Amino acid sequence: MSDDVLVINAGSSSIKISLFGPGGADGPELQLAGQVEGIGTAAPHAILRRASHEVLIDRSWPDGHGPSNHDQTMEYIVRVLSELHAGWKPAGVGHRIVHGGSLYREPTVIDTTVRADLEALIPLAPLHQPANLEGIDAAAKAFPDAVQVACFDTAFHQGHPWVADTYALPRDLYEQGIRRYGFHGLSYAYIARAMRRIAPEVARGRMIVAHLGNGASMCAIRDARSIDSTMSFTALDGLAMGTRCGQIDPGVLLYLLGEKGMTVAELSDLLYKKSGLLGLSGLGSDMRDLLASHSFPARQAVDYFIYRATCSAGSLVAALGGLDGLVFTGGIGENSAEIRARICRGLSWMGLVLDEAANDTGGPCISKSWSAVSAWVVPTNEERMIAISVAELLRVTTDPDRTEQ
């Protein structure tokens, strides 16, 4: 068995993989990355590249002859990896798990109890958790001797102050698990780690990270610990997203159910798949398309996205009691200079002075040297964060004499 760590991010119709080998002081190093998408459709497609971007596999299956489920997809992935490295087996497999509830605060070796706990959380993440579980089952079948590790998007946010995690509902509902969890935790954990190297004074202080993409949220972080987040009980809350609504008055939901006669399924479909940038623009959910469009509704959708992000940042500044740095990450945060600039201008009241030229070239620092609050662009890497966590856990489980420093 190798010392490699395989990272799996299983979606409903795709499996993304990243293979990491032993690295240096900065942790595991990426060797291969790829995905199989369109699982169960008429035309699935597989792509696999080396870390150098050399394409190793680029294959499509016409006429529905490709993998039809996650088990078959994992069998294909194992076969490909075995052909590239004869006799290869990973030491550990890390899984991105969207919801860990209040039980799981750190990466956890998966056993029957853990798997049952994760299955019980499906109602809290109905779009993501079932696919995550299918990935676990398929990987356990493919690599029975490897340590299977769950890495949670919610874990980074465990330990919030009670006032940040609770709703003003009867207290027994909080004890039953109806509370603010927060998501995108793997991304935030990676950024907090990266900022210790890039700008240690900001990492030790008060920082807001804006994970802006098709899924979007913001997190208040003090000394590498999450203090509050815009997402809460589910990944619907907070900022407007590609197809998700973000913050909404619950009275609207009661009205749609009671007065408009919507079913729970119809309401779920509306909130998760037909709202956000798609619903506001009537054009699409991709920010690039909206920015390029001359459509008035498209411009309004962009304006709304920026307005909610700016207002949310102000709220998180209050939770932190001030701000030392603002970090942009995610597909939009990393790639859209216009979105970054407009949010930063909206926060100029707190002393953030944007460096337009640095912002146009992508940073990493996009604020003037005299800015009271610094601004940054830092690419996230959730897969590498998972690999780091799994490698650390493997060292702990294989070295009984090892003690934490």
Protein backbone atom coordinates (compact mmCIF):
# COMPACT_ATOMS: atom_id res chain seq x y z
CA MET A 1 0.00 0.00 0.00
CA SER A 2 1.27 3.49 -0.88
CA ASP A 3 1.32 6.59 1.31
CA ASP A 4 -1.01 8.33 -1.15
CA VAL A 5 -4.29 10.00 -0.22
CA LEU A 6 -7.21 9.89 -2.62
CA VAL A 7 -9.72 12.71 -2.22
CA ILE A 8 -13.28 12.15 -3.43
CA ASN A 9 -15.97 14.77 -3.89
CA ALA A 10 -19.07 12.88 -4.96
CA GLY A 11 -22.02 14.73 -6.48
CA SER A 12 -25.34 13.39 -7.67
CA SER A 13 -24.05 12.78 -11.23
CA SER A 14 -20.30 13.20 -10.86
CA ILE A 15 -17.27 12.04 -8.91
CA LYS A 16 -14.28 14.35 -8.66
CA ILE A 17 -10.99 12.84 -7.57
CA SER A 18 -7.61 14.22 -6.56
CA LEU A 19 -4.62 12.05 -5.81
CA PHE A 20 -2.00 13.41 -3.41
CA GLY A 21 1.39 11.94 -2.64
CA PRO A 22 3.68 12.63 0.32
CA GLY A 23 4.92 16.21 0.26
CA GLY A 24 7.27 18.43 2.15
CA ALA A 25 6.73 20.95 4.88
CA ASP A 26 3.59 22.26 3.21
CA GLY A 27 1.90 18.85 3.28
CA PRO A 28 0.72 16.44 0.56
CA GLU A 29 1.42 17.29 -3.08
CA LEU A 30 -1.07 16.91 -5.90
CA GLN A 31 -0.23 14.22 -8.45
CA LEU A 32 -3.43 13.72 -10.45
CA ALA A 33 -6.86 15.31 -10.62
CA GLY A 34 -9.96 14.64 -12.67
CA GLN A 35 -13.61 13.76 -12.69
CA VAL A 36 -16.26 11.61 -14.23
CA GLU A 37 -19.40 13.65 -14.92
CA GLY A 38 -22.75 12.75 -16.38
CA ILE A 39 -22.96 9.49 -14.40
CA GLY A 40 -26.11 7.66 -15.37
CA THR A 41 -26.77 9.91 -18.38
CA ALA A 42 -26.57 9.09 -22.07
CA ALA A 43 -23.11 10.64 -22.43
CA PRO A 44 -20.83 10.45 -19.38
CA HIS A 45 -17.37 11.97 -19.71
CA ALA A 46 -14.08 11.33 -17.89
CA ILE A 47 -11.07 13.62 -17.71
CA LEU A 48 -7.84 13.02 -15.77
CA ARG A 49 -4.78 15.27 -15.69
CA ARG A 50 -1.42 15.29 -14.00
CA ALA A 51 -0.59 18.18 -11.70
CA SER A 52 1.39 19.58 -14.67
CA HIS A 53 -1.96 19.69 -16.59
CA GLU A 54 -0.87 16.91 -18.96
CA VAL A 55 -4.06 15.13 -20.04
CA LEU A 56 -3.94 11.40 -19.29
CA ILE A 57 -7.57 10.46 -19.92
CA ASP A 58 -10.22 12.26 -21.97
CA ARG A 59 -13.01 9.82 -22.71
CA SER A 60 -16.70 9.96 -23.51
CA TRP A 61 -19.14 7.07 -23.66
CA PRO A 62 -21.79 7.49 -26.33
CA ASP A 63 -25.22 5.86 -26.33
CA GLY A 64 -25.37 5.30 -22.56
CA HIS A 65 -22.59 2.70 -22.42
CA GLY A 66 -20.64 4.46 -19.67
CA PRO A 67 -20.85 4.19 -15.87
CA SER A 68 -24.47 4.24 -14.73
CA ASN A 69 -23.89 4.61 -10.97
CA HIS A 70 -21.21 5.52 -8.43
CA ASP A 71 -20.05 1.91 -7.96
CA GLN A 72 -19.35 1.50 -11.67
CA THR A 73 -17.67 4.89 -11.76
CA MET A 74 -15.35 3.98 -8.89
CA GLU A 75 -14.54 0.68 -10.61
CA TYR A 76 -13.53 2.66 -13.69
CA ILE A 77 -11.43 5.09 -11.62
CA VAL A 78 -9.67 2.22 -9.84
CA ARG A 79 -8.93 0.54 -13.14
CA VAL A 80 -7.45 3.73 -14.59
CA LEU A 81 -5.30 4.41 -11.53
CA SER A 82 -4.12 0.79 -11.45
CA GLU A 83 -3.09 1.01 -15.09
CA LEU A 84 -1.10 4.15 -14.34
CA HIS A 85 0.46 2.64 -11.19
CA ALA A 86 0.50 -1.15 -11.11
CA GLY A 87 -0.71 -2.54 -7.81
CA TRP A 88 -1.49 0.92 -6.48
CA LYS A 89 -3.67 1.35 -3.41
CA PRO A 90 -4.16 4.50 -1.32
CA ALA A 91 -3.44 4.60 2.39
CA GLY A 92 -6.44 6.82 2.97
CA VAL A 93 -9.49 8.13 1.15
CA GLY A 94 -10.84 11.52 2.15
CA HIS A 95 -14.46 12.40 1.45
CA ARG A 96 -15.98 15.84 1.33
CA ILE A 97 -19.12 15.62 3.44
CA VAL A 98 -21.39 18.64 3.36
CA HIS A 99 -23.16 18.14 6.71
CA GLY A 100 -21.75 16.80 9.95
CA GLY A 101 -24.45 18.23 12.19
CA SER A 102 -23.45 19.06 15.75
CA LEU A 103 -21.73 15.70 16.26
CA TYR A 104 -18.62 16.06 14.13
CA ARG A 105 -16.06 18.78 14.79
CA GLU A 106 -13.04 17.31 12.98
CA PRO A 107 -12.09 14.78 10.28
CA THR A 108 -13.39 11.39 11.38
CA VAL A 109 -12.67 7.80 10.38
CA ILE A 110 -15.83 6.36 8.89
CA ASP A 111 -17.34 3.28 10.50
CA THR A 112 -20.90 1.93 10.55
CA THR A 113 -21.92 4.32 13.33
CA VAL A 114 -20.53 7.37 11.54
CA ARG A 115 -22.17 6.36 8.29
CA ALA A 116 -25.54 5.95 10.00
CA ASP A 117 -25.17 9.39 11.59
CA LEU A 118 -24.45 10.94 8.19
CA GLU A 119 -27.45 9.22 6.63
CA ALA A 120 -29.67 10.65 9.38
CA LEU A 121 -28.54 14.13 8.31
CA ILE A 122 -29.85 13.78 4.74
CA PRO A 123 -32.90 16.03 5.44
CA LEU A 124 -30.52 18.87 6.31
CA ALA A 125 -28.59 18.60 3.02
CA PRO A 126 -30.89 16.80 0.58
CA LEU A 127 -28.99 17.82 -2.56
CA HIS A 128 -25.53 16.86 -1.31
CA GLN A 129 -25.57 14.29 1.49
CA PRO A 130 -27.00 11.32 -0.50
CA ALA A 131 -24.31 11.70 -3.16
CA ASN A 132 -21.61 12.02 -0.49
CA LEU A 133 -22.81 8.73 1.01
CA GLU A 134 -22.77 7.02 -2.38
CA GLY A 135 -19.16 8.12 -2.74
CA ILE A 136 -18.30 6.65 0.66
CA ASP A 137 -19.92 3.32 -0.17
CA ALA A 138 -18.30 3.09 -3.59
CA ALA A 139 -14.84 3.95 -2.25
CA ALA A 140 -15.14 1.47 0.65
CA LYS A 141 -15.97 -1.25 -1.87
CA ALA A 142 -13.12 -0.24 -4.17
CA PHE A 143 -10.50 0.23 -1.42
CA PRO A 144 -11.50 -2.01 1.50
CA ASP A 145 -8.05 -1.74 3.15
CA ALA A 146 -7.82 2.06 3.01
CA VAL A 147 -8.83 4.30 5.90
CA GLN A 148 -12.00 6.14 4.87
CA VAL A 149 -12.17 9.63 6.36
CA ALA A 150 -15.08 12.08 6.42
CA CYS A 151 -14.11 15.76 6.19
CA PHE A 152 -16.99 18.10 6.94
CA ASP A 153 -18.01 21.44 5.49
CA THR A 154 -19.70 22.23 8.81
CA ALA A 155 -16.84 21.32 11.16
CA PHE A 156 -14.91 24.60 10.85
CA HIS A 157 -17.90 26.47 12.25
CA GLN A 158 -18.31 24.35 15.38
CA GLY A 159 -17.58 26.41 18.46
CA HIS A 160 -19.44 29.57 17.47
CA PRO A 161 -20.77 31.69 20.32
CA TRP A 162 -24.26 30.47 21.25
CA VAL A 163 -25.83 33.75 20.11
CA ALA A 164 -24.38 33.21 16.63
CA ASP A 165 -25.71 29.67 16.33
CA THR A 166 -29.22 29.88 17.71
CA TYR A 167 -32.59 31.03 16.38
CA ALA A 168 -35.17 32.78 18.56
CA LEU A 169 -37.28 29.62 18.70
CA PRO A 170 -38.24 27.48 21.71
CA ARG A 171 -35.01 26.24 23.28
CA ASP A 172 -35.81 22.57 22.89
CA LEU A 173 -35.64 22.95 19.10
CA TYR A 174 -31.99 24.02 19.43
CA GLU A 175 -31.30 20.86 21.40
CA GLN A 176 -32.98 18.89 18.62
CA GLY A 177 -30.46 20.28 16.13
CA ILE A 178 -32.28 23.26 14.65
CA ARG A 179 -29.43 25.74 14.74
CA ARG A 180 -27.03 27.64 12.49
CA TYR A 181 -24.32 25.30 11.22
CA GLY A 182 -22.52 27.17 8.44
CA PHE A 183 -20.95 25.61 5.35
CA HIS A 184 -17.95 25.96 2.98
CA GLY A 185 -15.87 25.13 6.05
CA LEU A 186 -13.20 23.22 4.13
CA SER A 187 -12.62 26.29 1.97
CA TYR A 188 -12.45 28.57 5.00
CA ALA A 189 -10.07 26.24 6.81
CA TYR A 190 -7.77 26.24 3.77
CA ILE A 191 -7.83 30.03 3.45
CA ALA A 192 -7.15 30.47 7.17
CA ARG A 193 -4.14 28.16 6.78
CA ALA A 194 -2.92 29.90 3.61
CA MET A 195 -3.21 33.37 5.15
CA ARG A 196 -0.84 32.35 7.95
CA ARG A 197 1.80 32.19 5.22
CA ILE A 198 0.63 35.06 2.98
CA ALA A 199 -0.27 37.64 5.63
CA PRO A 200 0.28 36.29 9.15
CA GLU A 201 -0.76 39.54 10.81
CA VAL A 202 -4.16 39.34 9.12
CA ALA A 203 -4.49 35.61 9.88
CA ARG A 204 -3.91 36.33 13.58
CA GLY A 205 -6.45 39.13 13.57
CA ARG A 206 -10.00 39.76 12.34
CA MET A 207 -10.70 38.50 8.85
CA ILE A 208 -13.72 38.07 6.60
CA VAL A 209 -13.46 35.46 3.86
CA ALA A 210 -15.89 35.80 0.96
CA HIS A 211 -16.33 32.43 -0.75
CA LEU A 212 -18.15 33.62 -3.86
CA GLY A 213 -19.20 31.13 -6.52
CA ASN A 214 -22.27 29.29 -7.69
CA GLY A 215 -22.60 28.56 -3.99
CA ALA A 216 -21.70 31.66 -1.99
CA SER A 217 -21.16 32.55 1.65
CA MET A 218 -19.03 34.73 3.90
CA CYS A 219 -17.34 33.89 7.17
CA ALA A 220 -16.04 36.00 10.05
CA ILE A 221 -12.75 34.54 11.34
CA ARG A 222 -10.68 35.60 14.34
CA ASP A 223 -7.26 34.03 14.85
CA ALA A 224 -8.14 31.20 12.41
CA ARG A 225 -11.43 30.37 14.21
CA SER A 226 -14.89 30.83 12.75
CA ILE A 227 -16.97 33.37 14.68
CA ASP A 228 -20.02 33.62 12.42
CA SER A 229 -21.15 32.78 8.89
CA THR A 230 -23.86 33.85 6.47
CA MET A 231 -25.03 30.27 5.85
CA SER A 232 -26.95 28.65 8.65
CA PHE A 233 -29.26 25.62 9.09
CA THR A 234 -28.94 24.73 5.41
CA ALA A 235 -26.86 25.95 2.49
CA LEU A 236 -29.81 28.10 1.35
CA ASP A 237 -29.30 31.01 3.73
CA GLY A 238 -27.24 34.16 3.39
CA LEU A 239 -26.02 35.49 0.05
CA ALA A 240 -27.84 35.07 -3.24
CA MET A 241 -26.26 32.22 -5.20
CA GLY A 242 -26.40 30.79 -8.70
CA THR A 243 -29.80 29.15 -8.25
CA ARG A 244 -30.37 29.41 -4.47
CA CYS A 245 -32.30 32.27 -2.93
CA GLY A 246 -30.18 33.21 0.06
CA GLN A 247 -31.74 35.20 2.89
CA ILE A 248 -35.53 35.29 2.84
CA ASP A 249 -38.35 36.17 5.23
CA PRO A 250 -39.81 32.83 6.44
CA GLY A 251 -43.21 34.46 6.13
CA VAL A 252 -42.76 34.31 2.36
CA LEU A 253 -42.43 30.54 2.61
CA LEU A 254 -45.57 30.27 4.75
CA TYR A 255 -47.42 32.39 2.21
CA LEU A 256 -46.30 30.26 -0.73
CA LEU A 257 -47.35 27.10 1.09
CA GLY A 258 -50.62 28.38 2.48
CA GLU A 259 -51.92 30.93 0.00
CA LYS A 260 -50.33 29.77 -3.25
CA GLY A 261 -50.83 26.08 -2.54
CA MET A 262 -47.26 25.03 -3.26
CA THR A 263 -46.16 21.63 -2.05
CA VAL A 264 -43.00 21.18 0.00
CA ALA A 265 -41.35 19.57 -3.03
CA GLU A 266 -42.30 22.48 -5.27
CA LEU A 267 -41.07 25.00 -2.71
CA SER A 268 -37.77 23.14 -2.34
CA ASP A 269 -37.33 23.13 -6.11
CA LEU A 270 -38.03 26.87 -6.22
CA LEU A 271 -35.59 27.76 -3.46
CA TYR A 272 -32.74 25.48 -4.48
CA LYS A 273 -32.94 25.40 -8.27
CA LYS A 274 -34.95 28.33 -9.65
CA SER A 275 -33.97 31.31 -7.52
CA GLY A 276 -30.77 33.29 -6.96
CA LEU A 277 -29.07 34.83 -9.98
CA LEU A 278 -31.09 32.58 -12.29
CA GLY A 279 -34.42 33.65 -10.87
CA LEU A 280 -33.54 37.35 -10.69
CA SER A 281 -32.05 37.60 -14.18
CA GLY A 282 -34.18 35.15 -16.13
CA LEU A 283 -30.98 34.60 -18.11
CA GLY A 284 -28.82 32.14 -16.21
CA SER A 285 -26.85 31.41 -13.06
CA ASP A 286 -23.32 32.07 -14.36
CA MET A 287 -21.95 35.42 -13.17
CA ARG A 288 -19.77 35.68 -16.28
CA ASP A 289 -22.82 35.61 -18.52
CA LEU A 290 -24.62 38.20 -16.40
CA LEU A 291 -21.66 40.58 -16.40
CA ALA A 292 -21.39 40.30 -20.18
CA SER A 293 -25.11 40.84 -20.74
CA HIS A 294 -26.76 44.17 -21.53
CA SER A 295 -30.06 42.89 -20.15
CA PHE A 296 -31.57 45.12 -17.44
CA PRO A 297 -32.67 42.14 -15.28
CA ALA A 298 -29.14 40.71 -15.58
CA ARG A 299 -27.67 43.99 -14.31
CA GLN A 300 -30.18 44.04 -11.48
CA ALA A 301 -29.21 40.49 -10.50
CA VAL A 302 -25.56 41.51 -10.28
CA ASP A 303 -26.48 44.61 -8.28
CA TYR A 304 -28.47 42.49 -5.83
CA PHE A 305 -25.58 40.01 -5.41
CA ILE A 306 -23.16 42.86 -4.62
CA TYR A 307 -25.61 44.63 -2.31
CA ARG A 308 -26.26 41.52 -0.20
CA ALA A 309 -22.54 40.67 -0.03
CA THR A 310 -21.67 44.22 1.06
CA CYS A 311 -24.40 44.29 3.71
CA SER A 312 -23.40 40.85 4.98
CA ALA A 313 -19.78 41.95 5.27
CA GLY A 314 -20.89 44.89 7.42
CA SER A 315 -22.79 42.54 9.71
CA LEU A 316 -19.76 40.27 10.08
CA VAL A 317 -17.53 43.26 10.84
CA ALA A 318 -19.87 43.97 13.76
CA ALA A 319 -19.58 40.36 14.94
CA LEU A 320 -15.79 40.65 14.88
CA GLY A 321 -15.69 44.12 16.46
CA GLY A 322 -13.66 45.49 13.54
CA LEU A 323 -11.74 44.16 10.56
CA ASP A 324 -8.11 43.69 9.55
CA GLY A 325 -8.50 41.90 6.21
CA LEU A 326 -11.04 40.85 3.56
CA VAL A 327 -10.22 37.78 1.47
CA PHE A 328 -11.96 36.85 -1.79
CA THR A 329 -12.02 33.24 -2.94
CA GLY A 330 -14.20 30.85 -4.96
CA GLY A 331 -14.94 30.99 -8.69
CA ILE A 332 -16.35 34.53 -8.67
CA GLY A 333 -14.16 35.84 -5.88
CA GLU A 334 -10.97 34.64 -7.55
CA ASN A 335 -11.82 35.60 -11.12
CA SER A 336 -14.10 38.64 -11.22
CA ALA A 337 -12.23 41.91 -10.70
CA GLU A 338 -15.47 43.84 -11.19
CA ILE A 339 -17.32 42.05 -8.40
CA ARG A 340 -14.35 42.43 -6.03
CA ALA A 341 -14.01 46.13 -6.85
CA ARG A 342 -17.68 46.92 -6.31
CA ILE A 343 -17.79 45.12 -2.97
CA CYS A 344 -14.59 46.84 -1.81
CA ARG A 345 -15.94 50.25 -2.82
CA GLY A 346 -19.07 49.51 -0.83
CA LEU A 347 -16.86 48.93 2.21
CA SER A 348 -14.70 52.05 1.79
CA TRP A 349 -16.41 53.54 4.87
CA MET A 350 -14.28 51.31 7.09
CA GLY A 351 -11.01 52.44 5.53
CA LEU A 352 -10.61 49.86 2.75
CA VAL A 353 -8.79 51.53 -0.16
CA LEU A 354 -8.76 49.39 -3.32
CA ASP A 355 -5.67 49.20 -5.54
CA GLU A 356 -7.38 49.10 -8.92
CA ALA A 357 -4.30 47.91 -10.84
CA ALA A 358 -3.56 45.11 -8.37
CA ASN A 359 -7.21 44.07 -8.43
CA ASP A 360 -7.20 43.91 -12.24
CA THR A 361 -4.19 41.57 -12.18
CA GLY A 362 -5.62 39.36 -9.44
CA GLY A 363 -3.55 40.28 -6.39
CA PRO A 364 -2.85 38.59 -4.07
CA CYS A 365 -3.04 41.92 -2.21
CA ILE A 366 -5.55 44.24 -3.88
CA SER A 367 -5.58 47.13 -1.40
CA LYS A 368 -3.30 50.14 -1.12
CA SER A 369 -0.40 49.88 1.30
CA TRP A 370 -1.95 52.58 3.50
CA SER A 371 -5.41 50.99 3.55
CA ALA A 372 -6.72 50.57 7.11
CA VAL A 373 -8.23 47.25 6.02
CA SER A 374 -6.33 45.05 3.58
CA ALA A 375 -8.00 43.08 0.78
CA TRP A 376 -6.74 39.87 -0.79
CA VAL A 377 -7.41 37.30 -3.49
CA VAL A 378 -6.46 33.77 -2.43
CA PRO A 379 -7.46 30.70 -4.48
CA THR A 380 -9.11 28.07 -2.35
CA ASN A 381 -8.27 24.38 -2.48
CA GLU A 382 -10.77 22.23 -0.60
CA GLU A 383 -9.27 19.01 -1.98
CA ARG A 384 -5.83 19.84 -0.61
CA MET A 385 -7.36 20.73 2.75
CA ILE A 386 -8.96 17.29 2.83
CA ALA A 387 -5.66 15.62 1.88
CA ILE A 388 -3.84 17.53 4.64
CA SER A 389 -6.47 16.47 7.18
CA VAL A 390 -6.39 12.82 6.12
CA ALA A 391 -2.58 12.68 6.13
CA GLU A 392 -2.53 14.17 9.63
CA LEU A 393 -5.13 11.70 10.87
CA LEU A 394 -3.19 8.79 9.34
CA ARG A 395 -0.06 9.90 11.17
CA VAL A 396 -1.98 9.96 14.44
CA THR A 397 -3.59 6.55 13.94
CA THR A 398 -0.38 4.84 12.80
CA ASP A 399 1.90 6.34 15.46
CA PRO A 400 0.52 5.55 18.93
CA ASP A 401 3.41 7.38 20.60
CA ARG A 402 2.76 10.61 18.72
CA THR A 403 1.44 13.45 20.88
CA GLU A 404 -0.05 16.73 19.81
CA GLN A 405 2.18 19.77 20.19
